[in-house]
Amino acid sequence: MKLLGITIVFISCSMCGFIIDWNENKRLKELEKFIYAFELLKAEIDYRLTPLQEAALYVSHLTTDGIKKVFAAFASALESREYSDLNLMWEQALCTHHGEFHLRPDDVTMLSEFSNACGYLDKNMQKKNIDMLIYKLKEELTASREKYQKHSKLNKYLGVLAGACVSIFLI
């Protein structure tokens, strides 16, 4: 019975390291998808001169998972004019689907900055705002990718090591 408990503790601790690594990997993929979504939005606004509501709806059709839901909710809020403030509409869309992402709070803060200067400015200022957000997201992605490269194996090994240490103490 004691051996079964030790095995369960070892496997649980080992899996914690793998889950931490998996969450960080998912975060990187989600940042890439947000960059892609904002590049699509910028192209729609800049080249096709699409209004923000239609551009957000278009982006929601071309993206997947939670990002699709965020842009669809944002387009829906723009259409129904639930709030008079564009910032509240974007924040509501982002917060409603926040649980579907593996993003850190500073990533969400960075994404929420999108609405601060969007919607009420002219096309060039909206384009510059989206360019600035894309630049920040790419910088964060690059830094996080480097950190992930360094810490990926470390997280896995620390989980296994912690499981082994606790198992030894239980023996």
N, C-alpha and C. Protein backbone atom coordinates (compact mmCIF):
# COMPACT_ATOMS: atom_id res chain seq x y z
N MET A 1 0.82 -1.19 0.00
CA MET A 1 0.00 0.00 0.00
C MET A 1 0.87 1.26 0.00
N LYS A 2 1.94 1.19 0.80
CA LYS A 2 2.86 2.32 0.87
C LYS A 2 3.54 2.54 -0.48
N LEU A 3 3.88 1.46 -1.16
CA LEU A 3 4.52 1.55 -2.47
C LEU A 3 3.59 2.20 -3.49
N LEU A 4 2.31 1.91 -3.41
CA LEU A 4 1.32 2.51 -4.30
C LEU A 4 1.24 4.02 -4.06
N GLY A 5 1.23 4.43 -2.80
CA GLY A 5 1.21 5.86 -2.47
C GLY A 5 2.44 6.58 -2.96
N ILE A 6 3.60 5.95 -2.79
CA ILE A 6 4.85 6.56 -3.26
C ILE A 6 4.83 6.70 -4.77
N THR A 7 4.32 5.71 -5.46
CA THR A 7 4.25 5.76 -6.92
C THR A 7 3.31 6.87 -7.38
N ILE A 8 2.19 7.01 -6.70
CA ILE A 8 1.24 8.07 -7.06
C ILE A 8 1.85 9.45 -6.83
N VAL A 9 2.56 9.63 -5.72
CA VAL A 9 3.21 10.91 -5.43
C VAL A 9 4.28 11.20 -6.49
N PHE A 10 5.07 10.21 -6.85
CA PHE A 10 6.12 10.40 -7.86
C PHE A 10 5.51 10.80 -9.20
N ILE A 11 4.48 10.09 -9.63
CA ILE A 11 3.84 10.39 -10.92
C ILE A 11 3.18 11.76 -10.89
N SER A 12 2.55 12.11 -9.78
CA SER A 12 1.89 13.41 -9.66
C SER A 12 2.89 14.56 -9.76
N CYS A 13 3.97 14.45 -9.04
CA CYS A 13 4.99 15.50 -9.08
C CYS A 13 5.63 15.59 -10.47
N SER A 14 5.87 14.46 -11.08
CA SER A 14 6.45 14.46 -12.43
C SER A 14 5.50 15.12 -13.42
N MET A 15 4.22 14.81 -13.29
CA MET A 15 3.23 15.38 -14.21
C MET A 15 3.11 16.89 -14.02
N CYS A 16 3.32 17.39 -12.81
CA CYS A 16 3.28 18.84 -12.58
C CYS A 16 4.30 19.56 -13.45
N GLY A 17 5.51 19.03 -13.52
CA GLY A 17 6.55 19.62 -14.37
C GLY A 17 6.15 19.61 -15.84
N PHE A 18 5.56 18.51 -16.29
CA PHE A 18 5.14 18.42 -17.69
C PHE A 18 3.96 19.35 -17.98
N ILE A 19 3.07 19.52 -17.01
CA ILE A 19 1.92 20.40 -17.20
C ILE A 19 2.36 21.86 -17.25
N ILE A 20 3.31 22.24 -16.42
CA ILE A 20 3.85 23.61 -16.47
C ILE A 20 4.47 23.87 -17.83
N ASP A 21 5.23 22.92 -18.33
CA ASP A 21 5.84 23.06 -19.65
C ASP A 21 4.77 23.14 -20.74
N TRP A 22 3.75 22.32 -20.65
CA TRP A 22 2.68 22.31 -21.64
C TRP A 22 1.93 23.65 -21.65
N ASN A 23 1.65 24.21 -20.46
CA ASN A 23 0.97 25.50 -20.39
C ASN A 23 1.78 26.62 -21.02
N GLU A 24 3.08 26.61 -20.80
CA GLU A 24 3.93 27.63 -21.39
C GLU A 24 3.97 27.49 -22.91
N ASN A 25 4.00 26.27 -23.39
CA ASN A 25 3.98 26.03 -24.83
C ASN A 25 2.66 26.52 -25.45
N LYS A 26 1.55 26.27 -24.76
CA LYS A 26 0.24 26.74 -25.24
C LYS A 26 0.20 28.27 -25.25
N ARG A 27 0.80 28.90 -24.26
CA ARG A 27 0.85 30.36 -24.20
C ARG A 27 1.57 30.93 -25.41
N LEU A 28 2.69 30.32 -25.77
CA LEU A 28 3.44 30.78 -26.94
C LEU A 28 2.62 30.65 -28.21
N LYS A 29 1.91 29.56 -28.35
CA LYS A 29 1.07 29.36 -29.54
C LYS A 29 -0.08 30.37 -29.58
N GLU A 30 -0.65 30.67 -28.42
CA GLU A 30 -1.73 31.65 -28.38
C GLU A 30 -1.23 33.06 -28.71
N LEU A 31 -0.03 33.40 -28.25
CA LEU A 31 0.54 34.70 -28.62
C LEU A 31 0.74 34.78 -30.13
N GLU A 32 1.22 33.69 -30.74
CA GLU A 32 1.38 33.67 -32.20
C GLU A 32 0.03 33.86 -32.90
N LYS A 33 -1.01 33.22 -32.38
CA LYS A 33 -2.33 33.35 -32.99
C LYS A 33 -2.89 34.76 -32.83
N PHE A 34 -2.63 35.39 -31.69
CA PHE A 34 -3.08 36.78 -31.52
C PHE A 34 -2.34 37.71 -32.48
N ILE A 35 -1.05 37.47 -32.68
CA ILE A 35 -0.29 38.29 -33.64
C ILE A 35 -0.90 38.14 -35.02
N TYR A 36 -1.19 36.91 -35.42
CA TYR A 36 -1.81 36.65 -36.71
C TYR A 36 -3.17 37.36 -36.82
N ALA A 37 -3.97 37.28 -35.76
CA ALA A 37 -5.29 37.90 -35.78
C ALA A 37 -5.20 39.42 -35.92
N PHE A 38 -4.26 40.04 -35.21
CA PHE A 38 -4.13 41.49 -35.32
C PHE A 38 -3.53 41.91 -36.65
N GLU A 39 -2.69 41.07 -37.23
CA GLU A 39 -2.20 41.37 -38.58
C GLU A 39 -3.34 41.31 -39.60
N LEU A 40 -4.23 40.34 -39.43
CA LEU A 40 -5.42 40.28 -40.30
C LEU A 40 -6.30 41.51 -40.10
N LEU A 41 -6.50 41.91 -38.86
CA LEU A 41 -7.32 43.07 -38.56
C LEU A 41 -6.71 44.33 -39.18
N LYS A 42 -5.41 44.47 -39.06
CA LYS A 42 -4.74 45.63 -39.63
C LYS A 42 -4.89 45.66 -41.15
N ALA A 43 -4.74 44.50 -41.78
CA ALA A 43 -4.88 44.43 -43.24
C ALA A 43 -6.30 44.78 -43.67
N GLU A 44 -7.27 44.31 -42.92
CA GLU A 44 -8.67 44.61 -43.26
C GLU A 44 -8.94 46.11 -43.15
N ILE A 45 -8.45 46.72 -42.10
CA ILE A 45 -8.70 48.15 -41.89
C ILE A 45 -7.89 48.98 -42.88
N ASP A 46 -6.64 48.59 -43.11
CA ASP A 46 -5.74 49.40 -43.91
C ASP A 46 -5.98 49.23 -45.42
N TYR A 47 -6.05 48.02 -45.90
CA TYR A 47 -6.09 47.81 -47.34
C TYR A 47 -7.51 47.72 -47.89
N ARG A 48 -8.39 47.09 -47.14
CA ARG A 48 -9.76 46.94 -47.65
C ARG A 48 -10.70 48.00 -47.12
N LEU A 49 -10.20 48.85 -46.21
CA LEU A 49 -10.97 49.95 -45.63
C LEU A 49 -12.28 49.46 -44.99
N THR A 50 -12.18 48.30 -44.37
CA THR A 50 -13.34 47.68 -43.72
C THR A 50 -13.59 48.35 -42.38
N PRO A 51 -14.85 48.62 -42.04
CA PRO A 51 -15.15 49.15 -40.71
C PRO A 51 -14.74 48.15 -39.63
N LEU A 52 -14.52 48.66 -38.43
CA LEU A 52 -13.98 47.84 -37.35
C LEU A 52 -14.87 46.64 -37.03
N GLN A 53 -16.17 46.82 -37.03
CA GLN A 53 -17.08 45.71 -36.72
C GLN A 53 -16.95 44.59 -37.75
N GLU A 54 -16.97 44.94 -39.03
CA GLU A 54 -16.86 43.93 -40.08
C GLU A 54 -15.47 43.30 -40.08
N ALA A 55 -14.45 44.09 -39.81
CA ALA A 55 -13.09 43.56 -39.75
C ALA A 55 -12.94 42.56 -38.61
N ALA A 56 -13.52 42.88 -37.46
CA ALA A 56 -13.45 41.96 -36.32
C ALA A 56 -14.20 40.66 -36.62
N LEU A 57 -15.33 40.78 -37.29
CA LEU A 57 -16.10 39.59 -37.67
C LEU A 57 -15.32 38.74 -38.68
N TYR A 58 -14.66 39.40 -39.62
CA TYR A 58 -13.84 38.71 -40.61
C TYR A 58 -12.69 37.96 -39.94
N VAL A 59 -12.05 38.61 -38.99
CA VAL A 59 -10.95 37.99 -38.25
C VAL A 59 -11.46 36.79 -37.46
N SER A 60 -12.65 36.90 -36.91
CA SER A 60 -13.19 35.78 -36.14
C SER A 60 -13.44 34.56 -37.02
N HIS A 61 -13.74 34.79 -38.29
CA HIS A 61 -13.95 33.67 -39.21
C HIS A 61 -12.64 32.99 -39.61
N LEU A 62 -11.54 33.73 -39.55
CA LEU A 62 -10.26 33.19 -40.00
C LEU A 62 -9.38 32.66 -38.87
N THR A 63 -9.81 32.85 -37.64
CA THR A 63 -9.02 32.35 -36.51
C THR A 63 -9.75 31.19 -35.85
N THR A 64 -9.10 30.60 -34.85
CA THR A 64 -9.66 29.43 -34.20
C THR A 64 -9.70 29.61 -32.69
N ASP A 65 -10.37 28.69 -32.05
CA ASP A 65 -10.39 28.56 -30.59
C ASP A 65 -10.92 29.82 -29.89
N GLY A 66 -10.28 30.18 -28.81
CA GLY A 66 -10.72 31.31 -28.00
C GLY A 66 -10.58 32.64 -28.70
N ILE A 67 -9.58 32.75 -29.57
CA ILE A 67 -9.36 34.01 -30.29
C ILE A 67 -10.55 34.29 -31.20
N LYS A 68 -11.07 33.25 -31.80
CA LYS A 68 -12.26 33.39 -32.64
C LYS A 68 -13.42 33.92 -31.80
N LYS A 69 -13.57 33.38 -30.60
CA LYS A 69 -14.67 33.80 -29.73
C LYS A 69 -14.51 35.24 -29.27
N VAL A 70 -13.28 35.66 -28.99
CA VAL A 70 -13.03 37.03 -28.54
C VAL A 70 -13.42 38.02 -29.65
N PHE A 71 -12.95 37.78 -30.86
CA PHE A 71 -13.25 38.70 -31.95
C PHE A 71 -14.73 38.64 -32.34
N ALA A 72 -15.35 37.47 -32.25
CA ALA A 72 -16.78 37.38 -32.54
C ALA A 72 -17.59 38.14 -31.49
N ALA A 73 -17.22 38.01 -30.23
CA ALA A 73 -17.91 38.74 -29.16
C ALA A 73 -17.71 40.25 -29.32
N PHE A 74 -16.51 40.64 -29.72
CA PHE A 74 -16.22 42.06 -29.94
C PHE A 74 -17.05 42.61 -31.10
N ALA A 75 -17.13 41.85 -32.19
CA ALA A 75 -17.94 42.26 -33.35
C ALA A 75 -19.42 42.33 -32.97
N SER A 76 -19.87 41.38 -32.19
CA SER A 76 -21.26 41.37 -31.74
C SER A 76 -21.56 42.57 -30.85
N ALA A 77 -20.63 42.90 -29.97
CA ALA A 77 -20.81 44.07 -29.09
C ALA A 77 -20.81 45.36 -29.90
N LEU A 78 -19.97 45.42 -30.94
CA LEU A 78 -19.95 46.60 -31.80
C LEU A 78 -21.27 46.73 -32.56
N GLU A 79 -21.81 45.60 -32.97
CA GLU A 79 -23.07 45.63 -33.73
C GLU A 79 -24.24 46.04 -32.85
N SER A 80 -24.31 45.47 -31.66
CA SER A 80 -25.45 45.75 -30.78
C SER A 80 -25.26 47.03 -29.97
N ARG A 81 -24.06 47.56 -29.93
CA ARG A 81 -23.74 48.75 -29.15
C ARG A 81 -24.18 48.61 -27.70
N GLU A 82 -23.76 47.47 -27.08
CA GLU A 82 -24.09 47.21 -25.68
C GLU A 82 -23.60 48.34 -24.78
N TYR A 83 -22.40 48.80 -25.06
CA TYR A 83 -21.79 49.88 -24.28
C TYR A 83 -21.50 51.03 -25.23
N SER A 84 -21.41 52.21 -24.67
CA SER A 84 -21.08 53.36 -25.52
C SER A 84 -19.57 53.49 -25.70
N ASP A 85 -18.81 52.80 -24.88
CA ASP A 85 -17.36 52.90 -24.92
C ASP A 85 -16.76 51.67 -25.59
N LEU A 86 -15.95 51.90 -26.61
CA LEU A 86 -15.30 50.81 -27.33
C LEU A 86 -14.36 50.03 -26.41
N ASN A 87 -13.73 50.74 -25.49
CA ASN A 87 -12.81 50.11 -24.54
C ASN A 87 -13.54 49.05 -23.70
N LEU A 88 -14.75 49.38 -23.25
CA LEU A 88 -15.53 48.42 -22.47
C LEU A 88 -15.94 47.21 -23.31
N MET A 89 -16.25 47.44 -24.57
CA MET A 89 -16.64 46.34 -25.45
C MET A 89 -15.50 45.34 -25.62
N TRP A 90 -14.29 45.86 -25.87
CA TRP A 90 -13.13 44.98 -26.04
C TRP A 90 -12.78 44.28 -24.74
N GLU A 91 -12.81 45.03 -23.63
CA GLU A 91 -12.51 44.44 -22.32
C GLU A 91 -13.50 43.33 -21.99
N GLN A 92 -14.78 43.56 -22.28
CA GLN A 92 -15.80 42.55 -22.00
C GLN A 92 -15.57 41.30 -22.84
N ALA A 93 -15.26 41.49 -24.12
CA ALA A 93 -15.01 40.34 -25.00
C ALA A 93 -13.78 39.57 -24.54
N LEU A 94 -12.75 40.29 -24.12
CA LEU A 94 -11.51 39.65 -23.67
C LEU A 94 -11.71 38.95 -22.33
N CYS A 95 -12.38 39.60 -21.40
CA CYS A 95 -12.58 39.01 -20.07
C CYS A 95 -13.54 37.83 -20.08
N THR A 96 -14.53 37.87 -20.97
CA THR A 96 -15.50 36.79 -21.04
C THR A 96 -14.83 35.47 -21.41
N HIS A 97 -13.85 35.54 -22.30
CA HIS A 97 -13.20 34.33 -22.80
C HIS A 97 -11.78 34.17 -22.25
N HIS A 98 -11.45 34.91 -21.20
CA HIS A 98 -10.11 34.86 -20.62
C HIS A 98 -9.75 33.47 -20.11
N GLY A 99 -10.71 32.75 -19.61
CA GLY A 99 -10.46 31.43 -19.04
C GLY A 99 -10.04 30.38 -20.06
N GLU A 100 -10.23 30.66 -21.34
CA GLU A 100 -9.88 29.70 -22.38
C GLU A 100 -8.42 29.81 -22.81
N PHE A 101 -7.73 30.80 -22.28
CA PHE A 101 -6.35 31.05 -22.67
C PHE A 101 -5.38 30.65 -21.57
N HIS A 102 -4.14 30.51 -21.94
CA HIS A 102 -3.06 30.21 -21.00
C HIS A 102 -2.15 31.43 -20.85
N LEU A 103 -2.71 32.61 -21.07
CA LEU A 103 -1.95 33.84 -21.04
C LEU A 103 -1.72 34.31 -19.61
N ARG A 104 -0.65 35.05 -19.44
CA ARG A 104 -0.34 35.65 -18.15
C ARG A 104 -1.09 36.97 -18.02
N PRO A 105 -1.22 37.48 -16.81
CA PRO A 105 -1.94 38.76 -16.64
C PRO A 105 -1.32 39.92 -17.42
N ASP A 106 0.01 39.95 -17.54
CA ASP A 106 0.63 41.03 -18.32
C ASP A 106 0.33 40.89 -19.81
N ASP A 107 0.12 39.67 -20.30
CA ASP A 107 -0.29 39.48 -21.69
C ASP A 107 -1.69 40.03 -21.92
N VAL A 108 -2.58 39.76 -20.97
CA VAL A 108 -3.96 40.25 -21.08
C VAL A 108 -3.97 41.77 -21.01
N THR A 109 -3.13 42.34 -20.16
CA THR A 109 -3.03 43.81 -20.08
C THR A 109 -2.56 44.39 -21.40
N MET A 110 -1.59 43.73 -22.01
CA MET A 110 -1.07 44.18 -23.30
C MET A 110 -2.17 44.11 -24.37
N LEU A 111 -2.95 43.04 -24.35
CA LEU A 111 -4.04 42.90 -25.32
C LEU A 111 -5.14 43.92 -25.06
N SER A 112 -5.37 44.26 -23.82
CA SER A 112 -6.42 45.23 -23.51
C SER A 112 -6.04 46.63 -23.96
N GLU A 113 -4.76 46.90 -24.16
CA GLU A 113 -4.32 48.21 -24.64
C GLU A 113 -4.79 48.48 -26.07
N PHE A 114 -5.17 47.44 -26.77
CA PHE A 114 -5.64 47.60 -28.15
C PHE A 114 -6.81 48.58 -28.24
N SER A 115 -7.70 48.52 -27.29
CA SER A 115 -8.92 49.32 -27.36
C SER A 115 -8.72 50.77 -26.93
N ASN A 116 -7.59 51.07 -26.33
CA ASN A 116 -7.38 52.43 -25.84
C ASN A 116 -7.37 53.47 -26.94
N ALA A 117 -6.86 53.11 -28.11
CA ALA A 117 -6.75 54.09 -29.18
C ALA A 117 -7.38 53.60 -30.47
N CYS A 118 -8.27 52.65 -30.38
CA CYS A 118 -8.87 52.10 -31.58
C CYS A 118 -10.33 52.50 -31.68
N GLY A 119 -10.81 52.64 -32.89
CA GLY A 119 -12.22 52.89 -33.11
C GLY A 119 -12.56 54.34 -33.34
N TYR A 120 -12.01 55.24 -32.54
CA TYR A 120 -12.38 56.63 -32.69
C TYR A 120 -11.32 57.43 -33.46
N LEU A 121 -10.19 56.82 -33.78
CA LEU A 121 -9.15 57.50 -34.53
C LEU A 121 -9.30 57.22 -36.02
N ASP A 122 -8.54 57.96 -36.81
CA ASP A 122 -8.59 57.72 -38.25
C ASP A 122 -7.84 56.45 -38.59
N LYS A 123 -7.90 56.07 -39.85
CA LYS A 123 -7.34 54.79 -40.30
C LYS A 123 -5.84 54.69 -40.02
N ASN A 124 -5.09 55.74 -40.26
CA ASN A 124 -3.64 55.70 -40.04
C ASN A 124 -3.28 55.52 -38.57
N MET A 125 -4.01 56.19 -37.70
CA MET A 125 -3.73 56.04 -36.27
C MET A 125 -4.13 54.66 -35.78
N GLN A 126 -5.23 54.11 -36.30
CA GLN A 126 -5.60 52.75 -35.93
C GLN A 126 -4.53 51.77 -36.39
N LYS A 127 -4.03 51.98 -37.60
CA LYS A 127 -2.97 51.12 -38.14
C LYS A 127 -1.73 51.20 -37.27
N LYS A 128 -1.34 52.40 -36.87
CA LYS A 128 -0.17 52.55 -36.00
C LYS A 128 -0.39 51.91 -34.64
N ASN A 129 -1.60 52.02 -34.12
CA ASN A 129 -1.93 51.40 -32.84
C ASN A 129 -1.81 49.89 -32.93
N ILE A 130 -2.35 49.32 -34.00
CA ILE A 130 -2.27 47.87 -34.18
C ILE A 130 -0.83 47.45 -34.43
N ASP A 131 -0.07 48.24 -35.20
CA ASP A 131 1.35 47.95 -35.41
C ASP A 131 2.11 47.93 -34.10
N MET A 132 1.82 48.90 -33.22
CA MET A 132 2.50 48.95 -31.93
C MET A 132 2.15 47.72 -31.09
N LEU A 133 0.89 47.32 -31.10
CA LEU A 133 0.48 46.12 -30.36
C LEU A 133 1.15 44.88 -30.92
N ILE A 134 1.20 44.75 -32.23
CA ILE A 134 1.86 43.60 -32.86
C ILE A 134 3.34 43.58 -32.48
N TYR A 135 3.97 44.75 -32.49
CA TYR A 135 5.38 44.83 -32.11
C TYR A 135 5.58 44.36 -30.67
N LYS A 136 4.72 44.84 -29.76
CA LYS A 136 4.83 44.42 -28.35
C LYS A 136 4.60 42.92 -28.20
N LEU A 137 3.61 42.40 -28.92
CA LEU A 137 3.34 40.96 -28.84
C LEU A 137 4.51 40.15 -29.39
N LYS A 138 5.12 40.62 -30.46
CA LYS A 138 6.27 39.91 -31.03
C LYS A 138 7.46 39.95 -30.09
N GLU A 139 7.67 41.10 -29.46
CA GLU A 139 8.76 41.21 -28.48
C GLU A 139 8.53 40.24 -27.31
N GLU A 140 7.31 40.20 -26.81
CA GLU A 140 6.97 39.29 -25.71
C GLU A 140 7.13 37.84 -26.16
N LEU A 141 6.70 37.55 -27.38
CA LEU A 141 6.83 36.19 -27.90
C LEU A 141 8.29 35.78 -28.03
N THR A 142 9.12 36.67 -28.52
CA THR A 142 10.55 36.37 -28.67
C THR A 142 11.19 36.13 -27.31
N ALA A 143 10.92 37.02 -26.36
CA ALA A 143 11.49 36.86 -25.02
C ALA A 143 10.97 35.58 -24.35
N SER A 144 9.70 35.31 -24.51
CA SER A 144 9.12 34.11 -23.89
C SER A 144 9.63 32.84 -24.55
N ARG A 145 9.85 32.90 -25.84
CA ARG A 145 10.36 31.73 -26.55
C ARG A 145 11.78 31.41 -26.09
N GLU A 146 12.60 32.44 -25.91
CA GLU A 146 13.97 32.23 -25.41
C GLU A 146 13.93 31.64 -24.00
N LYS A 147 13.05 32.19 -23.18
CA LYS A 147 12.93 31.69 -21.81
C LYS A 147 12.41 30.25 -21.82
N TYR A 148 11.48 29.96 -22.71
CA TYR A 148 10.94 28.61 -22.81
C TYR A 148 12.02 27.62 -23.23
N GLN A 149 12.87 28.04 -24.18
CA GLN A 149 13.95 27.17 -24.63
C GLN A 149 14.88 26.80 -23.47
N LYS A 150 15.13 27.78 -22.60
CA LYS A 150 16.02 27.56 -21.47
C LYS A 150 15.37 26.71 -20.37
N HIS A 151 14.07 26.93 -20.15
CA HIS A 151 13.42 26.34 -18.98
C HIS A 151 12.55 25.13 -19.28
N SER A 152 12.41 24.75 -20.53
CA SER A 152 11.52 23.65 -20.88
C SER A 152 11.95 22.34 -20.22
N LYS A 153 13.18 21.95 -20.45
CA LYS A 153 13.67 20.71 -19.84
C LYS A 153 13.79 20.85 -18.33
N LEU A 154 14.14 22.05 -17.88
CA LEU A 154 14.28 22.29 -16.44
C LEU A 154 12.96 22.02 -15.71
N ASN A 155 11.85 22.52 -16.28
CA ASN A 155 10.54 22.29 -15.64
C ASN A 155 10.22 20.80 -15.55
N LYS A 156 10.49 20.08 -16.62
CA LYS A 156 10.20 18.65 -16.63
C LYS A 156 11.08 17.91 -15.62
N TYR A 157 12.37 18.22 -15.65
CA TYR A 157 13.30 17.53 -14.76
C TYR A 157 13.05 17.87 -13.30
N LEU A 158 12.67 19.13 -13.02
CA LEU A 158 12.39 19.50 -11.64
C LEU A 158 11.15 18.77 -11.11
N GLY A 159 10.17 18.57 -11.98
CA GLY A 159 8.99 17.80 -11.56
C GLY A 159 9.36 16.38 -11.20
N VAL A 160 10.18 15.75 -12.05
CA VAL A 160 10.62 14.38 -11.78
C VAL A 160 11.50 14.34 -10.53
N LEU A 161 12.40 15.32 -10.40
CA LEU A 161 13.29 15.37 -9.24
C LEU A 161 12.50 15.58 -7.95
N ALA A 162 11.52 16.47 -7.99
CA ALA A 162 10.70 16.70 -6.79
C ALA A 162 9.94 15.41 -6.44
N GLY A 163 9.41 14.74 -7.44
CA GLY A 163 8.71 13.47 -7.19
C GLY A 163 9.64 12.43 -6.59
N ALA A 164 10.87 12.37 -7.11
CA ALA A 164 11.84 11.41 -6.57
C ALA A 164 12.21 11.75 -5.13
N CYS A 165 12.42 13.03 -4.84
CA CYS A 165 12.78 13.45 -3.48
C CYS A 165 11.67 13.14 -2.48
N VAL A 166 10.45 13.49 -2.84
CA VAL A 166 9.33 13.22 -1.94
C VAL A 166 9.16 11.71 -1.76
N SER A 167 9.36 10.95 -2.83
CA SER A 167 9.22 9.48 -2.74
C SER A 167 10.29 8.92 -1.81
N ILE A 168 11.50 9.43 -1.91
CA ILE A 168 12.58 8.95 -1.04
C ILE A 168 12.27 9.27 0.41
N PHE A 169 11.75 10.48 0.67
CA PHE A 169 11.40 10.84 2.04
C PHE A 169 10.29 9.98 2.60
N LEU A 170 9.39 9.53 1.74
CA LEU A 170 8.29 8.70 2.20
C LEU A 170 8.74 7.28 2.50
N ILE A 171 9.81 6.86 1.88
CA ILE A 171 10.31 5.51 2.13
C ILE A 171 10.92 5.50 3.50
